[in-house]
Amino acid sequence: WEEFCDTLKAAGAVVLAPSTPLDPLERAEGYRYLTRLLRAGLETYVEASDSERPVFQRTTGETVKMGMDSPDNIYLNAPVNGQYDYRIWGTRGSVHYLGFGSQKGNYASTGSLQTTGYLEAKDMKLGAGGAFEIIASSNKPAGEANWLPMEPESRMIQIRQTRLDHAKEEPAQVKIERIGGASAMKPLDPVRFDRMLQGAAKMVLGTSRLFQKWSEGFTKHTNQLPRFPHEVAFAAGGDPNIAYYHSHWALADDEALVVELAPPECDFWNFQLANWWMESLDYRFAKIHINKH
C-alpha cells in the first residue's frame, strides 16, 4: 500500500513540472486529471483485469479523459491474453465508424500501447440486423471471415465507435468471451493483487508523464497545426487509420485563433479543443468540437 501511495505521490510531481503552465487553473485541472487516471487504472488493473472472463468497459469517457480523447468516440476495452482465443459478437448499430484493435504493452510499464491487429466493420461480414461474430486469436482460424489478429503478447482489445450525428446514430452492442471457457473461480490472490495495485498506480504515473511530454513538444509550434508523427501516435495506441494534427495555442485576452481547414476527401474528420493535460474540454456542457457532419 505504501508503494502504491508513493507512486501516486511521484505522479503529482508531473503537475508541478517546470514546463507546466503556472496558471492555478492548469494545476487544479492537473490534479483532477490524476484522480481520473486513478479511477481508470483501478477499473482496468484491479476490477476488470481477468483475461479469462473479459468484459468490455468504458474507462475513457465524459469524466475520465486521456491522450486527446475524442468527443465523437465511444471507447471500449477488454483484457485479453494473446495465448488464448476469443469470440466477440453483437450487433453493428449505425455508428459511422466501428474499429476493433488488439494491443500489447501499456502506459504503466512499457510507456506504449502498440497495435497488434486491426479490423474495421466495413471489412466484416454482417448478418441479419447487423449481427456479427469475430474471432480474435494469434493464429488465423480456417475459413473465418471476421478475424482480429493478435500476438501472444497482446493484452487488450479496444473498440472505437466514431459518431457523426450523436443524436441519431445507434452504438454497437458488443460482448466477448474466451473460447474454451474460463478456469474455475479462485479467491483473490494476494500476490496478484499486489501487481494489480502497482499497475494502477504506475498507469497514473506513466500516462501523465507521457502526455505531459507531448504537450511540452506542442509548444515548439504554438498557434500552428502540423501533422503529428504517425509512428508516435501509433505507438501510443492511436488508430492506424487516423492522421493526427496537434498543437499548442497561446492567446492574449483580446486575441482569437482562426483555423482555416480544407480537409481532403476523407471518411471522417473532426477538430477539437483540449486542456494542457490533453483532456478534451467538457463537451457535456459546451461546444468544444466540430466534425464532418
C-alpha atoms as a PDB file:
ATOM      1  CA  TRP A   1       0.000   0.000   0.000  1.00  0.00           C
ATOM      2  CA  GLU A   2       2.815   2.390   0.813  1.00  0.00           C
ATOM      3  CA  GLU A   3       4.449   1.648  -2.538  1.00  0.00           C
ATOM      4  CA  PHE A   4       1.100   2.342  -4.232  1.00  0.00           C
ATOM      5  CA  CYS A   5       0.793   5.685  -2.425  1.00  0.00           C
ATOM      6  CA  ASP A   6       4.418   6.610  -3.122  1.00  0.00           C
ATOM      7  CA  THR A   7       3.904   6.041  -6.851  1.00  0.00           C
ATOM      8  CA  LEU A   8       0.837   8.282  -6.808  1.00  0.00           C
ATOM      9  CA  LYS A   9       2.847  10.916  -4.974  1.00  0.00           C
ATOM     10  CA  ALA A  10       5.504  10.725  -7.680  1.00  0.00           C
ATOM     11  CA  ALA A  11       2.794  11.283 -10.290  1.00  0.00           C
ATOM     12  CA  GLY A  12       1.909  14.518  -8.514  1.00  0.00           C
ATOM     13  CA  ALA A  13       5.320  15.863  -9.463  1.00  0.00           C
ATOM     14  CA  VAL A  14       4.138  15.952 -13.096  1.00  0.00           C
ATOM     15  CA  VAL A  15       1.658  18.689 -12.169  1.00  0.00           C
ATOM     16  CA  LEU A  16       4.490  20.751 -10.692  1.00  0.00           C
ATOM     17  CA  ALA A  17       6.938  20.210 -13.567  1.00  0.00           C
ATOM     18  CA  PRO A  18       8.779  23.368 -14.705  1.00  0.00           C
ATOM     19  CA  SER A  19       7.142  23.162 -18.134  1.00  0.00           C
ATOM     20  CA  THR A  20       3.600  23.122 -16.728  1.00  0.00           C
ATOM     21  CA  PRO A  21       1.817  26.476 -17.025  1.00  0.00           C
ATOM     22  CA  LEU A  22       1.791  28.366 -13.740  1.00  0.00           C
ATOM     23  CA  ASP A  23      -1.905  29.222 -14.011  1.00  0.00           C
ATOM     24  CA  PRO A  24      -3.732  27.828 -10.936  1.00  0.00           C
ATOM     25  CA  LEU A  25      -6.441  26.538 -13.289  1.00  0.00           C
ATOM     26  CA  GLU A  26      -3.940  24.321 -15.137  1.00  0.00           C
ATOM     27  CA  ARG A  27      -2.597  22.974 -11.843  1.00  0.00           C
ATOM     28  CA  ALA A  28      -6.078  22.254 -10.484  1.00  0.00           C
ATOM     29  CA  GLU A  29      -7.036  20.505 -13.709  1.00  0.00           C
ATOM     30  CA  GLY A  30      -3.808  18.527 -13.437  1.00  0.00           C
ATOM     31  CA  TYR A  31      -4.636  17.125 -10.012  1.00  0.00           C
ATOM     32  CA  ARG A  32      -8.194  16.356 -11.123  1.00  0.00           C
ATOM     33  CA  TYR A  33      -6.674  14.581 -14.141  1.00  0.00           C
ATOM     34  CA  LEU A  34      -4.624  12.350 -11.820  1.00  0.00           C
ATOM     35  CA  THR A  35      -7.757  11.333  -9.898  1.00  0.00           C
ATOM     36  CA  ARG A  36      -9.437  10.458 -13.192  1.00  0.00           C
ATOM     37  CA  LEU A  37      -6.469   8.371 -14.295  1.00  0.00           C
ATOM     38  CA  LEU A  38      -6.569   6.588 -10.952  1.00  0.00           C
ATOM     39  CA  ARG A  39     -10.232   5.671 -11.460  1.00  0.00           C
ATOM     40  CA  ALA A  40      -9.407   4.298 -14.902  1.00  0.00           C
ATOM     41  CA  GLY A  41      -6.372   2.471 -13.526  1.00  0.00           C
ATOM     42  CA  LEU A  42      -8.295   0.780 -10.724  1.00  0.00           C
ATOM     43  CA  GLU A  43     -11.019  -0.332 -13.129  1.00  0.00           C
ATOM     44  CA  THR A  44      -8.502  -1.616 -15.684  1.00  0.00           C
ATOM     45  CA  TYR A  45      -5.948  -3.276 -13.402  1.00  0.00           C
ATOM     46  CA  VAL A  46      -7.999  -4.311 -10.371  1.00  0.00           C
ATOM     47  CA  GLU A  47     -11.686  -4.708 -11.141  1.00  0.00           C
ATOM     48  CA  ALA A  48     -11.617  -5.816 -14.782  1.00  0.00           C
ATOM     49  CA  SER A  49      -8.234  -7.405 -15.436  1.00  0.00           C
ATOM     50  CA  ASP A  50      -9.218 -11.068 -15.775  1.00  0.00           C
ATOM     51  CA  SER A  51      -8.363 -12.186 -19.319  1.00  0.00           C
ATOM     52  CA  GLU A  52     -10.304 -15.418 -18.745  1.00  0.00           C
ATOM     53  CA  ARG A  53     -13.516 -13.507 -18.038  1.00  0.00           C
ATOM     54  CA  PRO A  54     -13.194 -10.348 -20.122  1.00  0.00           C
ATOM     55  CA  VAL A  55     -15.897  -7.701 -20.268  1.00  0.00           C
ATOM     56  CA  PHE A  56     -15.923  -4.599 -22.446  1.00  0.00           C
ATOM     57  CA  GLN A  57     -15.975  -1.476 -20.306  1.00  0.00           C
ATOM     58  CA  ARG A  58     -15.802   2.250 -20.964  1.00  0.00           C
ATOM     59  CA  THR A  59     -12.860   3.593 -18.967  1.00  0.00           C
ATOM     60  CA  THR A  60     -12.468   6.748 -21.094  1.00  0.00           C
ATOM     61  CA  GLY A  61     -15.498   8.970 -21.476  1.00  0.00           C
ATOM     62  CA  GLU A  62     -17.166  12.101 -20.190  1.00  0.00           C
ATOM     63  CA  THR A  63     -15.348  12.223 -16.847  1.00  0.00           C
ATOM     64  CA  VAL A  64     -12.206  10.180 -17.499  1.00  0.00           C
ATOM     65  CA  LYS A  65     -10.088  11.582 -20.307  1.00  0.00           C
ATOM     66  CA  MET A  66      -6.613  10.936 -21.662  1.00  0.00           C
ATOM     67  CA  GLY A  67      -4.464  11.356 -24.752  1.00  0.00           C
ATOM     68  CA  MET A  68      -6.705  13.845 -26.590  1.00  0.00           C
ATOM     69  CA  ASP A  69      -9.803  11.670 -26.312  1.00  0.00           C
ATOM     70  CA  SER A  70     -12.363  12.437 -28.996  1.00  0.00           C
ATOM     71  CA  PRO A  71     -15.905  13.553 -28.059  1.00  0.00           C
ATOM     72  CA  ASP A  72     -17.079  11.719 -31.187  1.00  0.00           C
ATOM     73  CA  ASN A  73     -15.744   8.374 -29.958  1.00  0.00           C
ATOM     74  CA  ILE A  74     -17.137   5.718 -27.666  1.00  0.00           C
ATOM     75  CA  TYR A  75     -14.091   3.820 -26.414  1.00  0.00           C
ATOM     76  CA  LEU A  76     -14.450   0.280 -25.079  1.00  0.00           C
ATOM     77  CA  ASN A  77     -11.723  -2.063 -23.906  1.00  0.00           C
ATOM     78  CA  ALA A  78     -11.424  -5.571 -22.529  1.00  0.00           C
ATOM     79  CA  PRO A  79      -8.470  -7.530 -21.090  1.00  0.00           C
ATOM     80  CA  VAL A  80      -7.181 -10.480 -23.119  1.00  0.00           C
ATOM     81  CA  ASN A  81      -4.210 -12.812 -23.291  1.00  0.00           C
ATOM     82  CA  GLY A  82      -2.832 -13.400 -26.765  1.00  0.00           C
ATOM     83  CA  GLN A  83      -2.196 -17.031 -25.933  1.00  0.00           C
ATOM     84  CA  TYR A  84      -5.972 -17.621 -25.750  1.00  0.00           C
ATOM     85  CA  ASP A  85      -8.655 -17.324 -28.442  1.00  0.00           C
ATOM     86  CA  TYR A  86     -11.708 -15.084 -28.013  1.00  0.00           C
ATOM     87  CA  ARG A  87     -15.160 -14.728 -29.538  1.00  0.00           C
ATOM     88  CA  ILE A  88     -16.584 -11.223 -29.929  1.00  0.00           C
ATOM     89  CA  TRP A  89     -20.190 -10.874 -31.006  1.00  0.00           C
ATOM     90  CA  GLY A  90     -23.020  -8.365 -31.117  1.00  0.00           C
ATOM     91  CA  THR A  91     -24.844  -6.005 -33.479  1.00  0.00           C
ATOM     92  CA  ARG A  92     -23.269  -3.352 -35.703  1.00  0.00           C
ATOM     93  CA  GLY A  93     -25.579  -0.471 -34.819  1.00  0.00           C
ATOM     94  CA  SER A  94     -25.411   2.625 -37.018  1.00  0.00           C
ATOM     95  CA  VAL A  95     -22.326   4.493 -35.788  1.00  0.00           C
ATOM     96  CA  HIS A  96     -20.359   5.994 -38.646  1.00  0.00           C
ATOM     97  CA  TYR A  97     -17.161   4.053 -37.910  1.00  0.00           C
ATOM     98  CA  LEU A  98     -16.508   0.901 -35.910  1.00  0.00           C
ATOM     99  CA  GLY A  99     -12.995  -0.468 -35.430  1.00  0.00           C
ATOM    100  CA  PHE A 100     -11.531  -3.295 -33.335  1.00  0.00           C
ATOM    101  CA  GLY A 101      -7.849  -3.317 -32.354  1.00  0.00           C
ATOM    102  CA  SER A 102      -5.721  -5.747 -30.350  1.00  0.00           C
ATOM    103  CA  GLN A 103      -2.883  -4.140 -28.412  1.00  0.00           C
ATOM    104  CA  LYS A 104       0.177  -5.044 -26.412  1.00  0.00           C
ATOM    105  CA  GLY A 105       2.100  -3.069 -23.804  1.00  0.00           C
ATOM    106  CA  ASN A 106       0.623  -0.416 -21.535  1.00  0.00           C
ATOM    107  CA  TYR A 107       1.337   3.053 -20.249  1.00  0.00           C
ATOM    108  CA  ALA A 108       2.187   1.627 -16.824  1.00  0.00           C
ATOM    109  CA  SER A 109       5.267  -0.427 -17.703  1.00  0.00           C
ATOM    110  CA  THR A 110       6.286  -0.043 -21.352  1.00  0.00           C
ATOM    111  CA  GLY A 111       5.035   3.509 -21.932  1.00  0.00           C
ATOM    112  CA  SER A 112       3.490   2.381 -25.213  1.00  0.00           C
ATOM    113  CA  LEU A 113       0.347   0.678 -26.472  1.00  0.00           C
ATOM    114  CA  GLN A 114       1.199  -0.990 -29.755  1.00  0.00           C
ATOM    115  CA  THR A 115      -1.498  -2.288 -32.086  1.00  0.00           C
ATOM    116  CA  THR A 116      -1.045  -5.985 -32.944  1.00  0.00           C
ATOM    117  CA  GLY A 117      -4.067  -6.336 -35.203  1.00  0.00           C
ATOM    118  CA  TYR A 118      -6.951  -4.271 -36.557  1.00  0.00           C
ATOM    119  CA  LEU A 119     -10.360  -4.951 -38.093  1.00  0.00           C
ATOM    120  CA  GLU A 120     -12.867  -2.413 -39.431  1.00  0.00           C
ATOM    121  CA  ALA A 121     -16.590  -3.037 -39.625  1.00  0.00           C
ATOM    122  CA  LYS A 122     -16.604  -2.158 -43.325  1.00  0.00           C
ATOM    123  CA  ASP A 123     -14.400  -5.203 -43.933  1.00  0.00           C
ATOM    124  CA  MET A 124     -16.558  -7.545 -41.844  1.00  0.00           C
ATOM    125  CA  LYS A 125     -19.241  -9.983 -42.904  1.00  0.00           C
ATOM    126  CA  LEU A 126     -22.519  -8.986 -41.234  1.00  0.00           C
ATOM    127  CA  GLY A 127     -25.704 -10.978 -40.735  1.00  0.00           C
ATOM    128  CA  ALA A 128     -29.347 -10.000 -40.402  1.00  0.00           C
ATOM    129  CA  GLY A 129     -29.867  -6.807 -38.419  1.00  0.00           C
ATOM    130  CA  GLY A 130     -26.122  -6.117 -38.453  1.00  0.00           C
ATOM    131  CA  ALA A 131     -25.289  -9.172 -36.337  1.00  0.00           C
ATOM    132  CA  PHE A 132     -21.633 -10.167 -36.354  1.00  0.00           C
ATOM    133  CA  GLU A 133     -19.137 -12.546 -34.818  1.00  0.00           C
ATOM    134  CA  ILE A 134     -15.367 -12.001 -34.657  1.00  0.00           C
ATOM    135  CA  ILE A 135     -12.631 -14.435 -33.677  1.00  0.00           C
ATOM    136  CA  ALA A 136      -9.616 -12.793 -32.020  1.00  0.00           C
ATOM    137  CA  SER A 137      -6.572 -15.058 -31.997  1.00  0.00           C
ATOM    138  CA  SER A 138      -2.855 -15.183 -32.694  1.00  0.00           C
ATOM    139  CA  ASN A 139      -3.378 -17.796 -35.411  1.00  0.00           C
ATOM    140  CA  LYS A 140      -5.975 -17.273 -38.132  1.00  0.00           C
ATOM    141  CA  PRO A 141      -8.719 -19.895 -37.920  1.00  0.00           C
ATOM    142  CA  ALA A 142      -9.531 -21.721 -41.127  1.00  0.00           C
ATOM    143  CA  GLY A 143     -12.443 -20.280 -43.057  1.00  0.00           C
ATOM    144  CA  GLU A 144     -13.052 -17.429 -40.604  1.00  0.00           C
ATOM    145  CA  ALA A 145     -14.261 -14.274 -42.388  1.00  0.00           C
ATOM    146  CA  ASN A 146     -14.104 -11.894 -39.407  1.00  0.00           C
ATOM    147  CA  TRP A 147     -10.671 -12.310 -37.814  1.00  0.00           C
ATOM    148  CA  LEU A 148      -8.976  -9.879 -35.439  1.00  0.00           C
ATOM    149  CA  PRO A 149      -5.260 -10.758 -35.366  1.00  0.00           C
ATOM    150  CA  MET A 150      -3.437 -10.852 -32.038  1.00  0.00           C
ATOM    151  CA  GLU A 151       0.085 -11.706 -30.932  1.00  0.00           C
ATOM    152  CA  PRO A 152       0.973 -13.883 -27.922  1.00  0.00           C
ATOM    153  CA  GLU A 153       1.866 -10.640 -26.099  1.00  0.00           C
ATOM    154  CA  SER A 154      -1.492  -8.950 -26.812  1.00  0.00           C
ATOM    155  CA  ARG A 155      -3.194  -7.886 -23.599  1.00  0.00           C
ATOM    156  CA  MET A 156      -6.136  -5.682 -24.593  1.00  0.00           C
ATOM    157  CA  ILE A 157      -8.802  -5.325 -27.243  1.00  0.00           C
ATOM    158  CA  GLN A 158     -10.001  -1.760 -27.810  1.00  0.00           C
ATOM    159  CA  ILE A 159     -13.081  -0.717 -29.766  1.00  0.00           C
ATOM    160  CA  ARG A 160     -13.593   2.727 -31.270  1.00  0.00           C
ATOM    161  CA  GLN A 161     -17.087   3.768 -32.255  1.00  0.00           C
ATOM    162  CA  THR A 162     -16.975   7.104 -34.059  1.00  0.00           C
ATOM    163  CA  ARG A 163     -20.161   9.127 -34.465  1.00  0.00           C
ATOM    164  CA  LEU A 164     -21.033  11.855 -36.927  1.00  0.00           C
ATOM    165  CA  ASP A 165     -24.555  12.622 -35.679  1.00  0.00           C
ATOM    166  CA  HIS A 166     -24.643  11.731 -31.981  1.00  0.00           C
ATOM    167  CA  ALA A 167     -28.388  12.173 -31.664  1.00  0.00           C
ATOM    168  CA  LYS A 168     -29.323   9.750 -34.431  1.00  0.00           C
ATOM    169  CA  GLU A 169     -26.626   7.063 -34.524  1.00  0.00           C
ATOM    170  CA  GLU A 170     -27.028   3.863 -32.545  1.00  0.00           C
ATOM    171  CA  PRO A 171     -23.900   2.443 -30.852  1.00  0.00           C
ATOM    172  CA  ALA A 172     -22.861  -1.137 -31.492  1.00  0.00           C
ATOM    173  CA  GLN A 173     -23.708  -3.721 -28.830  1.00  0.00           C
ATOM    174  CA  VAL A 174     -20.671  -5.912 -28.159  1.00  0.00           C
ATOM    175  CA  LYS A 175     -19.796  -8.859 -25.896  1.00  0.00           C
ATOM    176  CA  ILE A 176     -16.696 -11.021 -25.539  1.00  0.00           C
ATOM    177  CA  GLU A 177     -15.796 -14.437 -24.143  1.00  0.00           C
ATOM    178  CA  ARG A 178     -12.760 -16.683 -24.039  1.00  0.00           C
ATOM    179  CA  ILE A 179     -13.143 -19.682 -26.334  1.00  0.00           C
ATOM    180  CA  GLY A 180     -12.789 -22.893 -24.371  1.00  0.00           C
ATOM    181  CA  GLY A 181     -14.159 -21.398 -21.200  1.00  0.00           C
ATOM    182  CA  ALA A 182     -12.521 -19.908 -18.146  1.00  0.00           C
ATOM    183  CA  SER A 183     -10.931 -21.922 -15.370  1.00  0.00           C
ATOM    184  CA  ALA A 184     -12.703 -22.298 -12.042  1.00  0.00           C
ATOM    185  CA  MET A 185     -13.073 -19.129  -9.981  1.00  0.00           C
ATOM    186  CA  LYS A 186     -10.471 -18.722  -7.260  1.00  0.00           C
ATOM    187  CA  PRO A 187     -10.205 -16.414  -4.240  1.00  0.00           C
ATOM    188  CA  LEU A 188      -8.266 -13.206  -4.635  1.00  0.00           C
ATOM    189  CA  ASP A 189      -4.556 -13.997  -4.966  1.00  0.00           C
ATOM    190  CA  PRO A 190      -2.638 -11.619  -2.651  1.00  0.00           C
ATOM    191  CA  VAL A 191       0.476 -11.709  -4.864  1.00  0.00           C
ATOM    192  CA  ARG A 192      -1.541 -10.969  -7.994  1.00  0.00           C
ATOM    193  CA  PHE A 193      -3.442  -8.232  -6.197  1.00  0.00           C
ATOM    194  CA  ASP A 194      -0.138  -6.564  -5.370  1.00  0.00           C
ATOM    195  CA  ARG A 195       0.661  -6.483  -9.103  1.00  0.00           C
ATOM    196  CA  MET A 196      -2.826  -5.106  -9.826  1.00  0.00           C
ATOM    197  CA  LEU A 197      -2.405  -2.306  -7.315  1.00  0.00           C
ATOM    198  CA  GLN A 198       1.043  -1.332  -8.534  1.00  0.00           C
ATOM    199  CA  GLY A 199      -0.188  -1.479 -12.126  1.00  0.00           C
ATOM    200  CA  ALA A 200      -2.959   1.008 -11.369  1.00  0.00           C
ATOM    201  CA  ALA A 201      -0.557   3.457  -9.726  1.00  0.00           C
ATOM    202  CA  LYS A 202       2.031   3.069 -12.467  1.00  0.00           C
ATOM    203  CA  MET A 203      -0.638   3.746 -15.078  1.00  0.00           C
ATOM    204  CA  VAL A 204      -1.306   7.115 -13.421  1.00  0.00           C
ATOM    205  CA  LEU A 205       2.410   7.898 -13.410  1.00  0.00           C
ATOM    206  CA  GLY A 206       3.174   6.597 -16.897  1.00  0.00           C
ATOM    207  CA  THR A 207       0.166   8.156 -18.602  1.00  0.00           C
ATOM    208  CA  SER A 208       0.624  11.565 -17.013  1.00  0.00           C
ATOM    209  CA  ARG A 209       4.339  11.627 -17.880  1.00  0.00           C
ATOM    210  CA  LEU A 210       3.764  10.516 -21.474  1.00  0.00           C
ATOM    211  CA  PHE A 211       1.196  13.131 -22.409  1.00  0.00           C
ATOM    212  CA  GLN A 212       2.916  15.870 -20.399  1.00  0.00           C
ATOM    213  CA  LYS A 213       5.903  15.257 -22.690  1.00  0.00           C
ATOM    214  CA  TRP A 214       3.645  15.541 -25.738  1.00  0.00           C
ATOM    215  CA  SER A 215       2.226  18.869 -24.554  1.00  0.00           C
ATOM    216  CA  GLU A 216       5.727  20.190 -23.995  1.00  0.00           C
ATOM    217  CA  GLY A 217       6.548  19.306 -27.589  1.00  0.00           C
ATOM    218  CA  PHE A 218       3.490  21.131 -28.917  1.00  0.00           C
ATOM    219  CA  THR A 219       4.794  24.439 -27.537  1.00  0.00           C
ATOM    220  CA  LYS A 220       7.521  24.335 -30.195  1.00  0.00           C
ATOM    221  CA  HIS A 221       4.905  25.292 -32.802  1.00  0.00           C
ATOM    222  CA  THR A 222       2.410  27.468 -30.913  1.00  0.00           C
ATOM    223  CA  ASN A 223      -0.603  28.642 -32.939  1.00  0.00           C
ATOM    224  CA  GLN A 224       0.248  26.305 -35.832  1.00  0.00           C
ATOM    225  CA  LEU A 225      -1.218  22.891 -36.593  1.00  0.00           C
ATOM    226  CA  PRO A 226       1.363  20.500 -38.068  1.00  0.00           C
ATOM    227  CA  ARG A 227       0.895  16.775 -38.697  1.00  0.00           C
ATOM    228  CA  PHE A 228       1.807  14.682 -35.651  1.00  0.00           C
ATOM    229  CA  PRO A 229       4.277  11.845 -36.345  1.00  0.00           C
ATOM    230  CA  HIS A 230       2.235   8.771 -37.243  1.00  0.00           C
ATOM    231  CA  GLU A 231       4.665   6.356 -35.623  1.00  0.00           C
ATOM    232  CA  VAL A 232       4.451   8.195 -32.282  1.00  0.00           C
ATOM    233  CA  ALA A 233       0.636   8.202 -32.294  1.00  0.00           C
ATOM    234  CA  PHE A 234       0.536   4.556 -33.365  1.00  0.00           C
ATOM    235  CA  ALA A 235       2.939   3.521 -30.580  1.00  0.00           C
ATOM    236  CA  ALA A 236       0.606   5.154 -28.063  1.00  0.00           C
ATOM    237  CA  GLY A 237      -2.440   3.212 -29.261  1.00  0.00           C
ATOM    238  CA  GLY A 238      -3.649   5.590 -31.946  1.00  0.00           C
ATOM    239  CA  ASP A 239      -5.993   4.320 -34.649  1.00  0.00           C
ATOM    240  CA  PRO A 240      -3.846   3.288 -37.658  1.00  0.00           C
ATOM    241  CA  ASN A 241      -6.403   4.882 -39.999  1.00  0.00           C
ATOM    242  CA  ILE A 242      -6.218   8.371 -38.466  1.00  0.00           C
ATOM    243  CA  ALA A 243      -3.923  11.264 -39.372  1.00  0.00           C
ATOM    244  CA  TYR A 244      -3.471  13.330 -36.200  1.00  0.00           C
ATOM    245  CA  TYR A 245      -2.675  17.036 -36.007  1.00  0.00           C
ATOM    246  CA  HIS A 246      -1.778  18.515 -32.602  1.00  0.00           C
ATOM    247  CA  SER A 247      -0.550  21.848 -31.372  1.00  0.00           C
ATOM    248  CA  HIS A 248      -0.483  24.383 -28.538  1.00  0.00           C
ATOM    249  CA  TRP A 249      -2.259  27.700 -28.606  1.00  0.00           C
ATOM    250  CA  ALA A 250      -1.487  30.900 -26.705  1.00  0.00           C
ATOM    251  CA  LEU A 251      -3.690  33.971 -26.948  1.00  0.00           C
ATOM    252  CA  ALA A 252      -3.969  37.329 -25.250  1.00  0.00           C
ATOM    253  CA  ASP A 253      -7.350  38.379 -23.843  1.00  0.00           C
ATOM    254  CA  ASP A 254      -8.133  40.436 -26.973  1.00  0.00           C
ATOM    255  CA  GLU A 255      -6.976  37.796 -29.478  1.00  0.00           C
ATOM    256  CA  ALA A 256      -8.670  34.905 -31.259  1.00  0.00           C
ATOM    257  CA  LEU A 257      -7.234  31.976 -33.164  1.00  0.00           C
ATOM    258  CA  VAL A 258      -8.509  31.473 -36.708  1.00  0.00           C
ATOM    259  CA  VAL A 259      -8.043  27.997 -38.151  1.00  0.00           C
ATOM    260  CA  GLU A 260      -8.548  27.599 -41.894  1.00  0.00           C
ATOM    261  CA  LEU A 261      -9.449  23.990 -42.555  1.00  0.00           C
ATOM    262  CA  ALA A 262      -9.546  22.475 -46.041  1.00  0.00           C
ATOM    263  CA  PRO A 263      -9.683  18.724 -45.403  1.00  0.00           C
ATOM    264  CA  PRO A 264      -9.207  16.391 -48.351  1.00  0.00           C
ATOM    265  CA  GLU A 265     -11.914  13.942 -49.311  1.00  0.00           C
ATOM    266  CA  CYS A 266     -11.929  11.565 -46.354  1.00  0.00           C
ATOM    267  CA  ASP A 267     -14.241   9.310 -44.424  1.00  0.00           C
ATOM    268  CA  PHE A 268     -14.216  11.466 -41.289  1.00  0.00           C
ATOM    269  CA  TRP A 269     -12.591  14.492 -39.718  1.00  0.00           C
ATOM    270  CA  ASN A 270     -13.028  16.499 -36.558  1.00  0.00           C
ATOM    271  CA  PHE A 271     -11.459  19.465 -34.812  1.00  0.00           C
ATOM    272  CA  GLN A 272     -11.449  19.758 -31.031  1.00  0.00           C
ATOM    273  CA  LEU A 273     -10.094  21.685 -28.084  1.00  0.00           C
ATOM    274  CA  ALA A 274      -8.302  20.234 -25.084  1.00  0.00           C
ATOM    275  CA  ASN A 275      -6.518  21.448 -21.981  1.00  0.00           C
ATOM    276  CA  TRP A 276      -2.782  21.194 -21.221  1.00  0.00           C
ATOM    277  CA  TRP A 277      -3.266  17.628 -19.978  1.00  0.00           C
ATOM    278  CA  MET A 278      -4.666  16.532 -23.354  1.00  0.00           C
ATOM    279  CA  GLU A 279      -8.147  16.061 -21.930  1.00  0.00           C
ATOM    280  CA  SER A 280     -10.985  17.095 -24.225  1.00  0.00           C
ATOM    281  CA  LEU A 281     -12.789  20.091 -22.744  1.00  0.00           C
ATOM    282  CA  ASP A 282     -16.157  19.357 -21.140  1.00  0.00           C
ATOM    283  CA  TYR A 283     -18.312  18.553 -24.162  1.00  0.00           C
ATOM    284  CA  ARG A 284     -21.292  17.734 -21.930  1.00  0.00           C
ATOM    285  CA  PHE A 285     -21.988  21.429 -21.381  1.00  0.00           C
ATOM    286  CA  ALA A 286     -20.122  23.345 -24.104  1.00  0.00           C
ATOM    287  CA  LYS A 287     -19.410  23.104 -27.823  1.00  0.00           C
ATOM    288  CA  ILE A 288     -15.733  22.197 -27.936  1.00  0.00           C
ATOM    289  CA  HIS A 289     -15.540  20.272 -31.206  1.00  0.00           C
ATOM    290  CA  ILE A 290     -16.759  20.163 -34.792  1.00  0.00           C
ATOM    291  CA  ASN A 291     -16.861  17.138 -37.085  1.00  0.00           C
ATOM    292  CA  LYS A 292     -17.621  16.422 -40.723  1.00  0.00           C
ATOM    293  CA  HIS A 293     -21.368  16.247 -40.008  1.00  0.00           C
END
